[in-house]
Amino acid sequence: MKTIAVLFFFSLMVPAWAAGTKITATVNGMVCAFCAQGITKAFQSEPAADRVDVNLEKHRVTLHLKPEGALEDALIRTKIQDTGFAVVDIQRE
C-alpha cells in the first residue's frame, strides 16, 4: 500500500519536472534593446536554455530551461557579468 501511495505522489510531480525550470535574475544596467539582445545571445548558446526573456522595465532576465536542463547560479552570474551588467538577485521556480 505504501508503494502505491509513493508512486501516486511522484506521478503528481511529473508535470512539474516536464515543464523545466524558470529562473529569474534581477539585473542592473539594462536600458536598451541592444542590452537585451546581448544577454539573450549569451544564453541562447546554452544547451539547457529553452527560451530567454528580457524585461527592460523591470530589469529582469527570465530563463526558461529545457526539462532536462540545468544552469548553476555561478554560470548565470558570469554570463550576465560578461555582457557588462550586474546581477542583483537570482530566483528559481
PDB file of N, CA and C in Angstrom:
ATOM      1  N   MET A   1       0.812  -1.193   0.000  1.00  0.00           N
ATOM      2  CA  MET A   1       0.000   0.000   0.000  1.00  0.00           C
ATOM      3  C   MET A   1       0.863   1.267   0.000  1.00  0.00           C
ATOM      4  N   LYS A   2       1.964   1.220   0.778  1.00  0.00           N
ATOM      5  CA  LYS A   2       2.855   2.376   0.812  1.00  0.00           C
ATOM      6  C   LYS A   2       3.453   2.637  -0.568  1.00  0.00           C
ATOM      7  N   THR A   3       3.776   1.575  -1.273  1.00  0.00           N
ATOM      8  CA  THR A   3       4.365   1.719  -2.601  1.00  0.00           C
ATOM      9  C   THR A   3       3.405   2.438  -3.536  1.00  0.00           C
ATOM     10  N   ILE A   4       2.153   2.100  -3.477  1.00  0.00           N
ATOM     11  CA  ILE A   4       1.150   2.748  -4.330  1.00  0.00           C
ATOM     12  C   ILE A   4       1.025   4.214  -3.978  1.00  0.00           C
ATOM     13  N   ALA A   5       1.016   4.529  -2.705  1.00  0.00           N
ATOM     14  CA  ALA A   5       0.922   5.921  -2.281  1.00  0.00           C
ATOM     15  C   ALA A   5       2.134   6.725  -2.748  1.00  0.00           C
ATOM     16  N   VAL A   6       3.316   6.148  -2.645  1.00  0.00           N
ATOM     17  CA  VAL A   6       4.530   6.832  -3.080  1.00  0.00           C
ATOM     18  C   VAL A   6       4.507   7.034  -4.586  1.00  0.00           C
ATOM     19  N   LEU A   7       4.133   6.006  -5.338  1.00  0.00           N
ATOM     20  CA  LEU A   7       4.054   6.134  -6.790  1.00  0.00           C
ATOM     21  C   LEU A   7       3.029   7.184  -7.202  1.00  0.00           C
ATOM     22  N   PHE A   8       1.909   7.231  -6.522  1.00  0.00           N
ATOM     23  CA  PHE A   8       0.887   8.228  -6.816  1.00  0.00           C
ATOM     24  C   PHE A   8       1.432   9.627  -6.573  1.00  0.00           C
ATOM     25  N   PHE A   9       2.104   9.824  -5.455  1.00  0.00           N
ATOM     26  CA  PHE A   9       2.670  11.129  -5.127  1.00  0.00           C
ATOM     27  C   PHE A   9       3.663  11.573  -6.202  1.00  0.00           C
ATOM     28  N   PHE A  10       4.569  10.682  -6.600  1.00  0.00           N
ATOM     29  CA  PHE A  10       5.554  11.048  -7.605  1.00  0.00           C
ATOM     30  C   PHE A  10       4.925  11.245  -8.980  1.00  0.00           C
ATOM     31  N   SER A  11       3.841  10.561  -9.265  1.00  0.00           N
ATOM     32  CA  SER A  11       3.171  10.768 -10.552  1.00  0.00           C
ATOM     33  C   SER A  11       2.574  12.173 -10.631  1.00  0.00           C
ATOM     34  N   LEU A  12       2.224  12.741  -9.497  1.00  0.00           N
ATOM     35  CA  LEU A  12       1.725  14.116  -9.486  1.00  0.00           C
ATOM     36  C   LEU A  12       2.839  15.122  -9.762  1.00  0.00           C
ATOM     37  N   MET A  13       4.049  14.757  -9.459  1.00  0.00           N
ATOM     38  CA  MET A  13       5.182  15.646  -9.633  1.00  0.00           C
ATOM     39  C   MET A  13       5.726  15.653 -11.061  1.00  0.00           C
ATOM     40  N   VAL A  14       5.433  14.662 -11.858  1.00  0.00           N
ATOM     41  CA  VAL A  14       5.984  14.546 -13.209  1.00  0.00           C
ATOM     42  C   VAL A  14       5.703  15.773 -14.064  1.00  0.00           C
ATOM     43  N   PRO A  15       4.488  16.340 -14.080  1.00  0.00           N
ATOM     44  CA  PRO A  15       4.285  17.528 -14.903  1.00  0.00           C
ATOM     45  C   PRO A  15       5.207  18.684 -14.522  1.00  0.00           C
ATOM     46  N   ALA A  16       5.541  18.831 -13.266  1.00  0.00           N
ATOM     47  CA  ALA A  16       6.452  19.892 -12.846  1.00  0.00           C
ATOM     48  C   ALA A  16       7.847  19.649 -13.410  1.00  0.00           C
ATOM     49  N   TRP A  17       8.296  18.386 -13.410  1.00  0.00           N
ATOM     50  CA  TRP A  17       9.599  18.086 -13.980  1.00  0.00           C
ATOM     51  C   TRP A  17       9.587  18.315 -15.480  1.00  0.00           C
ATOM     52  N   ALA A  18       8.515  17.931 -16.128  1.00  0.00           N
ATOM     53  CA  ALA A  18       8.428  18.035 -17.580  1.00  0.00           C
ATOM     54  C   ALA A  18       8.423  19.481 -18.049  1.00  0.00           C
ATOM     55  N   ALA A  19       7.972  20.380 -17.211  1.00  0.00           N
ATOM     56  CA  ALA A  19       7.868  21.777 -17.593  1.00  0.00           C
ATOM     57  C   ALA A  19       9.220  22.484 -17.587  1.00  0.00           C
ATOM     58  N   GLY A  20      10.239  21.888 -17.006  1.00  0.00           N
ATOM     59  CA  GLY A  20      11.522  22.552 -16.917  1.00  0.00           C
ATOM     60  C   GLY A  20      11.548  23.513 -15.743  1.00  0.00           C
ATOM     61  N   THR A  21      12.542  24.350 -15.715  1.00  0.00           N
ATOM     62  CA  THR A  21      12.728  25.284 -14.621  1.00  0.00           C
ATOM     63  C   THR A  21      12.700  26.702 -15.155  1.00  0.00           C
ATOM     64  N   LYS A  22      12.191  27.603 -14.336  1.00  0.00           N
ATOM     65  CA  LYS A  22      12.177  29.015 -14.683  1.00  0.00           C
ATOM     66  C   LYS A  22      13.079  29.738 -13.690  1.00  0.00           C
ATOM     67  N   ILE A  23      14.042  30.486 -14.202  1.00  0.00           N
ATOM     68  CA  ILE A  23      14.984  31.225 -13.372  1.00  0.00           C
ATOM     69  C   ILE A  23      14.858  32.697 -13.730  1.00  0.00           C
ATOM     70  N   THR A  24      14.700  33.539 -12.708  1.00  0.00           N
ATOM     71  CA  THR A  24      14.592  34.971 -12.936  1.00  0.00           C
ATOM     72  C   THR A  24      15.740  35.680 -12.237  1.00  0.00           C
ATOM     73  N   ALA A  25      16.493  36.455 -13.006  1.00  0.00           N
ATOM     74  CA  ALA A  25      17.601  37.228 -12.459  1.00  0.00           C
ATOM     75  C   ALA A  25      17.260  38.709 -12.537  1.00  0.00           C
ATOM     76  N   THR A  26      17.436  39.410 -11.432  1.00  0.00           N
ATOM     77  CA  THR A  26      17.293  40.865 -11.429  1.00  0.00           C
ATOM     78  C   THR A  26      18.663  41.430 -11.781  1.00  0.00           C
ATOM     79  N   VAL A  27      18.677  42.327 -12.780  1.00  0.00           N
ATOM     80  CA  VAL A  27      19.938  42.799 -13.351  1.00  0.00           C
ATOM     81  C   VAL A  27      19.959  44.323 -13.406  1.00  0.00           C
ATOM     82  N   ASN A  28      21.043  44.917 -12.932  1.00  0.00           N
ATOM     83  CA  ASN A  28      21.220  46.371 -13.020  1.00  0.00           C
ATOM     84  C   ASN A  28      21.955  46.737 -14.292  1.00  0.00           C
ATOM     85  N   GLY A  29      21.564  47.863 -14.886  1.00  0.00           N
ATOM     86  CA  GLY A  29      22.294  48.413 -16.014  1.00  0.00           C
ATOM     87  C   GLY A  29      21.668  48.214 -17.379  1.00  0.00           C
ATOM     88  N   MET A  30      20.627  47.397 -17.482  1.00  0.00           N
ATOM     89  CA  MET A  30      19.988  47.171 -18.780  1.00  0.00           C
ATOM     90  C   MET A  30      19.054  48.344 -19.088  1.00  0.00           C
ATOM     91  N   VAL A  31      19.276  49.002 -20.242  1.00  0.00           N
ATOM     92  CA  VAL A  31      18.445  50.158 -20.562  1.00  0.00           C
ATOM     93  C   VAL A  31      17.898  50.158 -21.991  1.00  0.00           C
ATOM     94  N   CYS A  32      18.422  49.289 -22.852  1.00  0.00           N
ATOM     95  CA  CYS A  32      18.011  49.375 -24.256  1.00  0.00           C
ATOM     96  C   CYS A  32      17.876  47.995 -24.898  1.00  0.00           C
ATOM     97  N   ALA A  33      17.362  47.998 -26.113  1.00  0.00           N
ATOM     98  CA  ALA A  33      17.176  46.748 -26.848  1.00  0.00           C
ATOM     99  C   ALA A  33      18.516  46.076 -27.141  1.00  0.00           C
ATOM    100  N   PHE A  34      19.567  46.855 -27.317  1.00  0.00           N
ATOM    101  CA  PHE A  34      20.898  46.291 -27.539  1.00  0.00           C
ATOM    102  C   PHE A  34      21.365  45.512 -26.314  1.00  0.00           C
ATOM    103  N   CYS A  35      21.049  46.035 -25.110  1.00  0.00           N
ATOM    104  CA  CYS A  35      21.374  45.333 -23.855  1.00  0.00           C
ATOM    105  C   CYS A  35      20.656  43.981 -23.819  1.00  0.00           C
ATOM    106  N   ALA A  36      19.376  44.014 -24.124  1.00  0.00           N
ATOM    107  CA  ALA A  36      18.567  42.792 -24.108  1.00  0.00           C
ATOM    108  C   ALA A  36      19.090  41.783 -25.117  1.00  0.00           C
ATOM    109  N   GLN A  37      19.479  42.259 -26.278  1.00  0.00           N
ATOM    110  CA  GLN A  37      19.986  41.377 -27.335  1.00  0.00           C
ATOM    111  C   GLN A  37      21.286  40.694 -26.888  1.00  0.00           C
ATOM    112  N   GLY A  38      22.161  41.427 -26.227  1.00  0.00           N
ATOM    113  CA  GLY A  38      23.423  40.848 -25.767  1.00  0.00           C
ATOM    114  C   GLY A  38      23.216  39.737 -24.752  1.00  0.00           C
ATOM    115  N   ILE A  39      22.308  39.960 -23.805  1.00  0.00           N
ATOM    116  CA  ILE A  39      22.022  38.946 -22.789  1.00  0.00           C
ATOM    117  C   ILE A  39      21.335  37.742 -23.424  1.00  0.00           C
ATOM    118  N   THR A  40      20.381  37.994 -24.289  1.00  0.00           N
ATOM    119  CA  THR A  40      19.681  36.895 -24.966  1.00  0.00           C
ATOM    120  C   THR A  40      20.669  36.033 -25.742  1.00  0.00           C
ATOM    121  N   LYS A  41      21.565  36.661 -26.469  1.00  0.00           N
ATOM    122  CA  LYS A  41      22.555  35.927 -27.262  1.00  0.00           C
ATOM    123  C   LYS A  41      23.478  35.096 -26.367  1.00  0.00           C
ATOM    124  N   ALA A  42      23.829  35.621 -25.208  1.00  0.00           N
ATOM    125  CA  ALA A  42      24.722  34.896 -24.288  1.00  0.00           C
ATOM    126  C   ALA A  42      24.106  33.586 -23.816  1.00  0.00           C
ATOM    127  N   PHE A  43      22.792  33.570 -23.619  1.00  0.00           N
ATOM    128  CA  PHE A  43      22.144  32.359 -23.107  1.00  0.00           C
ATOM    129  C   PHE A  43      21.618  31.443 -24.204  1.00  0.00           C
ATOM    130  N   GLN A  44      21.439  31.944 -25.405  1.00  0.00           N
ATOM    131  CA  GLN A  44      20.963  31.088 -26.490  1.00  0.00           C
ATOM    132  C   GLN A  44      21.975  30.011 -26.844  1.00  0.00           C
ATOM    133  N   SER A  45      23.231  30.237 -26.531  1.00  0.00           N
ATOM    134  CA  SER A  45      24.254  29.238 -26.823  1.00  0.00           C
ATOM    135  C   SER A  45      24.291  28.129 -25.772  1.00  0.00           C
ATOM    136  N   GLU A  46      23.539  28.286 -24.696  1.00  0.00           N
ATOM    137  CA  GLU A  46      23.496  27.274 -23.631  1.00  0.00           C
ATOM    138  C   GLU A  46      22.528  26.160 -24.012  1.00  0.00           C
ATOM    139  N   PRO A  47      22.977  24.917 -24.049  1.00  0.00           N
ATOM    140  CA  PRO A  47      22.088  23.803 -24.407  1.00  0.00           C
ATOM    141  C   PRO A  47      20.902  23.641 -23.447  1.00  0.00           C
ATOM    142  N   ALA A  48      21.054  24.053 -22.194  1.00  0.00           N
ATOM    143  CA  ALA A  48      19.980  23.890 -21.211  1.00  0.00           C
ATOM    144  C   ALA A  48      18.870  24.917 -21.379  1.00  0.00           C
ATOM    145  N   ALA A  49      19.171  26.036 -22.024  1.00  0.00           N
ATOM    146  CA  ALA A  49      18.196  27.123 -22.153  1.00  0.00           C
ATOM    147  C   ALA A  49      17.205  26.833 -23.280  1.00  0.00           C
ATOM    148  N   ASP A  50      15.929  26.971 -22.952  1.00  0.00           N
ATOM    149  CA  ASP A  50      14.876  26.801 -23.949  1.00  0.00           C
ATOM    150  C   ASP A  50      14.467  28.164 -24.509  1.00  0.00           C
ATOM    151  N   ARG A  51      14.347  29.148 -23.611  1.00  0.00           N
ATOM    152  CA  ARG A  51      13.911  30.489 -24.008  1.00  0.00           C
ATOM    153  C   ARG A  51      14.486  31.512 -23.037  1.00  0.00           C
ATOM    154  N   VAL A  52      14.785  32.707 -23.545  1.00  0.00           N
ATOM    155  CA  VAL A  52      15.290  33.801 -22.725  1.00  0.00           C
ATOM    156  C   VAL A  52      14.381  35.003 -22.949  1.00  0.00           C
ATOM    157  N   ASP A  53      13.851  35.551 -21.854  1.00  0.00           N
ATOM    158  CA  ASP A  53      13.016  36.752 -21.928  1.00  0.00           C
ATOM    159  C   ASP A  53      13.693  37.853 -21.126  1.00  0.00           C
ATOM    160  N   VAL A  54      13.823  39.041 -21.726  1.00  0.00           N
ATOM    161  CA  VAL A  54      14.422  40.182 -21.038  1.00  0.00           C
ATOM    162  C   VAL A  54      13.364  41.262 -20.911  1.00  0.00           C
ATOM    163  N   ASN A  55      13.129  41.710 -19.677  1.00  0.00           N
ATOM    164  CA  ASN A  55      12.181  42.789 -19.405  1.00  0.00           C
ATOM    165  C   ASN A  55      12.989  43.998 -18.935  1.00  0.00           C
ATOM    166  N   LEU A  56      13.157  44.967 -19.832  1.00  0.00           N
ATOM    167  CA  LEU A  56      13.964  46.142 -19.513  1.00  0.00           C
ATOM    168  C   LEU A  56      13.331  47.011 -18.427  1.00  0.00           C
ATOM    169  N   GLU A  57      12.029  47.135 -18.433  1.00  0.00           N
ATOM    170  CA  GLU A  57      11.344  47.971 -17.441  1.00  0.00           C
ATOM    171  C   GLU A  57      11.504  47.442 -16.025  1.00  0.00           C
ATOM    172  N   LYS A  58      11.451  46.121 -15.875  1.00  0.00           N
ATOM    173  CA  LYS A  58      11.560  45.512 -14.546  1.00  0.00           C
ATOM    174  C   LYS A  58      12.993  45.069 -14.235  1.00  0.00           C
ATOM    175  N   HIS A  59      13.898  45.242 -15.197  1.00  0.00           N
ATOM    176  CA  HIS A  59      15.309  44.855 -15.035  1.00  0.00           C
ATOM    177  C   HIS A  59      15.442  43.372 -14.703  1.00  0.00           C
ATOM    178  N   ARG A  60      14.710  42.556 -15.450  1.00  0.00           N
ATOM    179  CA  ARG A  60      14.719  41.112 -15.201  1.00  0.00           C
ATOM    180  C   ARG A  60      15.060  40.321 -16.453  1.00  0.00           C
ATOM    181  N   VAL A  61      15.801  39.252 -16.215  1.00  0.00           N
ATOM    182  CA  VAL A  61      16.091  38.271 -17.257  1.00  0.00           C
ATOM    183  C   VAL A  61      15.467  36.970 -16.787  1.00  0.00           C
ATOM    184  N   THR A  62      14.575  36.407 -17.593  1.00  0.00           N
ATOM    185  CA  THR A  62      13.926  35.148 -17.236  1.00  0.00           C
ATOM    186  C   THR A  62      14.412  34.067 -18.185  1.00  0.00           C
ATOM    187  N   LEU A  63      14.966  33.018 -17.583  1.00  0.00           N
ATOM    188  CA  LEU A  63      15.464  31.882 -18.340  1.00  0.00           C
ATOM    189  C   LEU A  63      14.505  30.720 -18.164  1.00  0.00           C
ATOM    190  N   HIS A  64      14.023  30.185 -19.249  1.00  0.00           N
ATOM    191  CA  HIS A  64      13.176  29.000 -19.240  1.00  0.00           C
ATOM    192  C   HIS A  64      14.058  27.847 -19.698  1.00  0.00           C
ATOM    193  N   LEU A  65      14.283  26.887 -18.806  1.00  0.00           N
ATOM    194  CA  LEU A  65      15.160  25.772 -19.123  1.00  0.00           C
ATOM    195  C   LEU A  65      14.392  24.603 -19.708  1.00  0.00           C
ATOM    196  N   LYS A  66      15.085  23.808 -20.481  1.00  0.00           N
ATOM    197  CA  LYS A  66      14.517  22.567 -21.003  1.00  0.00           C
ATOM    198  C   LYS A  66      14.308  21.619 -19.826  1.00  0.00           C
ATOM    199  N   PRO A  67      13.402  20.662 -19.959  1.00  0.00           N
ATOM    200  CA  PRO A  67      13.116  19.756 -18.829  1.00  0.00           C
ATOM    201  C   PRO A  67      14.358  19.096 -18.250  1.00  0.00           C
ATOM    202  N   GLU A  68      15.294  18.716 -19.085  1.00  0.00           N
ATOM    203  CA  GLU A  68      16.499  18.052 -18.596  1.00  0.00           C
ATOM    204  C   GLU A  68      17.634  19.043 -18.341  1.00  0.00           C
ATOM    205  N   GLY A  69      17.384  20.330 -18.568  1.00  0.00           N
ATOM    206  CA  GLY A  69      18.433  21.342 -18.466  1.00  0.00           C
ATOM    207  C   GLY A  69      18.687  21.828 -17.055  1.00  0.00           C
ATOM    208  N   ALA A  70      19.911  22.299 -16.849  1.00  0.00           N
ATOM    209  CA  ALA A  70      20.296  22.866 -15.557  1.00  0.00           C
ATOM    210  C   ALA A  70      21.358  23.928 -15.780  1.00  0.00           C
ATOM    211  N   LEU A  71      21.232  25.031 -15.061  1.00  0.00           N
ATOM    212  CA  LEU A  71      22.233  26.092 -15.076  1.00  0.00           C
ATOM    213  C   LEU A  71      22.514  26.496 -13.633  1.00  0.00           C
ATOM    214  N   GLU A  72      23.758  26.522 -13.267  1.00  0.00           N
ATOM    215  CA  GLU A  72      24.154  26.932 -11.925  1.00  0.00           C
ATOM    216  C   GLU A  72      24.096  28.460 -11.819  1.00  0.00           C
ATOM    217  N   ASP A  73      23.825  28.950 -10.618  1.00  0.00           N
ATOM    218  CA  ASP A  73      23.775  30.391 -10.389  1.00  0.00           C
ATOM    219  C   ASP A  73      25.092  31.063 -10.778  1.00  0.00           C
ATOM    220  N   ALA A  74      26.213  30.418 -10.482  1.00  0.00           N
ATOM    221  CA  ALA A  74      27.518  30.996 -10.797  1.00  0.00           C
ATOM    222  C   ALA A  74      27.677  31.224 -12.304  1.00  0.00           C
ATOM    223  N   LEU A  75      27.204  30.278 -13.108  1.00  0.00           N
ATOM    224  CA  LEU A  75      27.291  30.419 -14.561  1.00  0.00           C
ATOM    225  C   LEU A  75      26.380  31.545 -15.043  1.00  0.00           C
ATOM    226  N   ILE A  76      25.188  31.629 -14.475  1.00  0.00           N
ATOM    227  CA  ILE A  76      24.253  32.704 -14.843  1.00  0.00           C
ATOM    228  C   ILE A  76      24.878  34.061 -14.528  1.00  0.00           C
ATOM    229  N   ARG A  77      25.433  34.203 -13.331  1.00  0.00           N
ATOM    230  CA  ARG A  77      26.086  35.462 -12.933  1.00  0.00           C
ATOM    231  C   ARG A  77      27.239  35.801 -13.887  1.00  0.00           C
ATOM    232  N   THR A  78      28.057  34.815 -14.195  1.00  0.00           N
ATOM    233  CA  THR A  78      29.205  35.047 -15.073  1.00  0.00           C
ATOM    234  C   THR A  78      28.765  35.493 -16.457  1.00  0.00           C
ATOM    235  N   LYS A  79      27.784  34.825 -17.026  1.00  0.00           N
ATOM    236  CA  LYS A  79      27.315  35.182 -18.369  1.00  0.00           C
ATOM    237  C   LYS A  79      26.756  36.604 -18.399  1.00  0.00           C
ATOM    238  N   ILE A  80      25.986  36.962 -17.378  1.00  0.00           N
ATOM    239  CA  ILE A  80      25.411  38.314 -17.335  1.00  0.00           C
ATOM    240  C   ILE A  80      26.507  39.347 -17.090  1.00  0.00           C
ATOM    241  N   GLN A  81      27.427  39.059 -16.200  1.00  0.00           N
ATOM    242  CA  GLN A  81      28.535  39.988 -15.935  1.00  0.00           C
ATOM    243  C   GLN A  81      29.424  40.148 -17.166  1.00  0.00           C
ATOM    244  N   ASP A  82      29.613  39.077 -17.912  1.00  0.00           N
ATOM    245  CA  ASP A  82      30.431  39.143 -19.127  1.00  0.00           C
ATOM    246  C   ASP A  82      29.807  40.030 -20.199  1.00  0.00           C
ATOM    247  N   THR A  83      28.485  40.236 -20.131  1.00  0.00           N
ATOM    248  CA  THR A  83      27.827  41.131 -21.085  1.00  0.00           C
ATOM    249  C   THR A  83      27.802  42.568 -20.564  1.00  0.00           C
ATOM    250  N   GLY A  84      28.356  42.788 -19.355  1.00  0.00           N
ATOM    251  CA  GLY A  84      28.507  44.151 -18.842  1.00  0.00           C
ATOM    252  C   GLY A  84      27.499  44.597 -17.810  1.00  0.00           C
ATOM    253  N   PHE A  85      26.786  43.653 -17.197  1.00  0.00           N
ATOM    254  CA  PHE A  85      25.738  44.025 -16.249  1.00  0.00           C
ATOM    255  C   PHE A  85      25.964  43.363 -14.898  1.00  0.00           C
ATOM    256  N   ALA A  86      25.309  43.894 -13.874  1.00  0.00           N
ATOM    257  CA  ALA A  86      25.454  43.377 -12.517  1.00  0.00           C
ATOM    258  C   ALA A  86      24.193  42.620 -12.108  1.00  0.00           C
ATOM    259  N   VAL A  87      24.389  41.430 -11.582  1.00  0.00           N
ATOM    260  CA  VAL A  87      23.269  40.615 -11.091  1.00  0.00           C
ATOM    261  C   VAL A  87      22.987  40.994  -9.642  1.00  0.00           C
ATOM    262  N   VAL A  88      21.729  41.341  -9.363  1.00  0.00           N
ATOM    263  CA  VAL A  88      21.317  41.691  -8.010  1.00  0.00           C
ATOM    264  C   VAL A  88      20.814  40.457  -7.266  1.00  0.00           C
ATOM    265  N   ASP A  89      20.028  39.641  -7.975  1.00  0.00           N
ATOM    266  CA  ASP A  89      19.354  38.511  -7.329  1.00  0.00           C
ATOM    267  C   ASP A  89      19.004  37.452  -8.360  1.00  0.00           C
ATOM    268  N   ILE A  90      18.960  36.204  -7.930  1.00  0.00           N
ATOM    269  CA  ILE A  90      18.521  35.088  -8.786  1.00  0.00           C
ATOM    270  C   ILE A  90      17.465  34.301  -8.025  1.00  0.00           C
ATOM    271  N   GLN A  91      16.307  34.094  -8.653  1.00  0.00           N
ATOM    272  CA  GLN A  91      15.198  33.338  -8.082  1.00  0.00           C
ATOM    273  C   GLN A  91      14.879  32.157  -8.988  1.00  0.00           C
ATOM    274  N   ARG A  92      14.559  31.032  -8.381  1.00  0.00           N
ATOM    275  CA  ARG A  92      14.178  29.834  -9.138  1.00  0.00           C
ATOM    276  C   ARG A  92      12.733  29.444  -8.819  1.00  0.00           C
ATOM    277  N   GLU A  93      12.053  28.995  -9.855  1.00  0.00           N
ATOM    278  CA  GLU A  93      10.679  28.500  -9.679  1.00  0.00           C
ATOM    279  C   GLU A  93      10.608  27.070 -10.177  1.00  0.00           C
TER     280      GLU A  93
END
